[in-house]
Protein backbone atom coordinates (compact mmCIF):
# COMPACT_ATOMS: atom_id res chain seq x y z
CA MET A 1 -9.96 -37.63 -62.72
CA MET A 2 -10.85 -33.99 -64.20
CA PHE A 3 -14.69 -34.33 -63.39
CA ARG A 4 -13.97 -35.08 -59.55
CA GLU A 5 -11.65 -32.32 -59.44
CA LEU A 6 -13.91 -29.70 -61.19
CA VAL A 7 -17.32 -30.89 -60.23
CA ARG A 8 -17.33 -32.85 -56.86
CA ARG A 9 -14.19 -31.07 -55.16
CA GLU A 10 -16.31 -30.62 -52.12
CA SER A 11 -17.56 -33.91 -51.68
CA ASP A 12 -15.15 -37.44 -51.88
CA ASP A 13 -18.35 -39.84 -51.16
CA ARG A 14 -17.44 -41.72 -54.42
CA PRO A 15 -13.99 -43.36 -53.59
CA HIS A 16 -13.83 -45.61 -56.83
CA LEU A 17 -13.67 -45.00 -60.08
CA HIS A 18 -15.33 -47.85 -62.39
CA ILE A 19 -14.08 -49.81 -65.39
CA CYS A 20 -17.31 -50.48 -67.26
CA ARG A 21 -18.31 -52.87 -70.73
CA ILE A 22 -20.88 -50.94 -72.89
CA ASN A 23 -23.17 -53.18 -75.16
CA GLY A 24 -24.59 -50.51 -77.38
CA GLU A 25 -24.34 -47.02 -78.84
CA VAL A 26 -22.59 -44.19 -76.56
CA PHE A 27 -23.24 -40.58 -76.87
CA THR A 28 -19.95 -38.62 -75.90
CA ALA A 29 -20.46 -34.73 -74.86
CA ASP A 30 -18.05 -32.44 -73.64
CA LEU A 31 -18.36 -31.54 -69.62
CA ARG A 32 -16.73 -28.36 -70.66
CA TYR A 33 -19.69 -26.62 -72.42
CA VAL A 34 -21.92 -27.27 -68.62
CA SER A 35 -21.19 -24.21 -66.98
CA SER A 36 -22.89 -21.05 -65.58
CA PRO A 37 -23.19 -17.72 -67.39
CA ASN A 38 -21.68 -14.59 -66.21
CA LEU A 39 -24.76 -13.69 -63.31
CA LEU A 40 -23.74 -9.77 -63.85
CA ASP A 41 -24.82 -10.12 -67.58
CA PRO A 42 -28.11 -9.24 -68.58
CA MET A 43 -30.83 -12.03 -68.45
CA LEU A 44 -31.11 -12.40 -72.18
CA LYS A 45 -27.29 -12.69 -72.54
CA GLN A 46 -27.51 -15.40 -69.75
CA VAL A 47 -29.83 -17.40 -71.47
CA GLU A 48 -28.53 -16.96 -74.99
CA TYR A 49 -25.06 -18.15 -73.15
CA LEU A 50 -26.79 -21.37 -71.92
CA ILE A 51 -28.74 -22.37 -75.30
CA GLU A 52 -25.56 -21.84 -77.02
CA ARG A 53 -23.60 -24.28 -74.69
CA SER A 54 -26.49 -26.94 -74.68
CA ARG A 55 -26.57 -26.61 -78.06
CA PHE A 56 -22.42 -27.58 -78.37
CA TYR A 57 -22.86 -30.40 -75.66
CA TRP A 58 -25.86 -31.97 -77.14
CA ASP A 59 -24.22 -31.64 -80.85
CA GLY A 60 -21.54 -33.51 -79.43
CA LYS A 61 -19.04 -30.59 -80.09
CA HIS A 62 -15.44 -31.05 -78.32
CA SER A 63 -13.77 -28.19 -76.70
CA ASP A 64 -9.89 -27.88 -77.64
CA THR A 65 -9.30 -29.23 -73.95
CA PRO A 66 -12.57 -31.73 -73.43
CA ILE A 67 -13.56 -33.36 -70.22
CA LEU A 68 -15.77 -36.37 -71.98
CA GLU A 69 -18.66 -37.73 -70.76
CA CYS A 70 -20.18 -40.80 -72.05
CA LEU A 71 -23.74 -41.37 -72.03
CA ALA A 72 -25.28 -44.98 -72.83
CA GLU A 73 -29.03 -46.46 -73.04
CA PRO A 74 -30.28 -48.08 -69.65
CA ASP A 75 -28.98 -51.56 -69.36
CA THR A 76 -26.21 -51.38 -71.70
CA VAL A 77 -23.60 -50.87 -69.19
CA THR A 78 -22.07 -53.55 -66.86
CA ILE A 79 -19.25 -52.37 -64.22
CA VAL A 80 -16.28 -54.71 -64.61
CA GLU A 81 -14.44 -53.50 -61.73
CA ALA A 82 -13.65 -50.58 -59.35
CA VAL A 83 -10.32 -49.09 -58.95
CA THR A 84 -9.31 -46.40 -56.67
CA TRP A 85 -9.00 -42.93 -57.93
């Protein structure tokens, strides 16, 4: 629900939340680390910011208030049912 509010706030084209079954390994990342740098900062500082944030994301670190995203290998996720938001 936080993802919908923060990221998809301008579009309501996905009316359902899906309950899934996963058969395999899952990588859990924090979407709080997916954010734009300050565009007024010098370019080098912006690049350093993006590198640091992407490392946190791909290392699987979690912030104090994470928005968790689960990534799974293709063909390992089965939708069990759809529920409304």
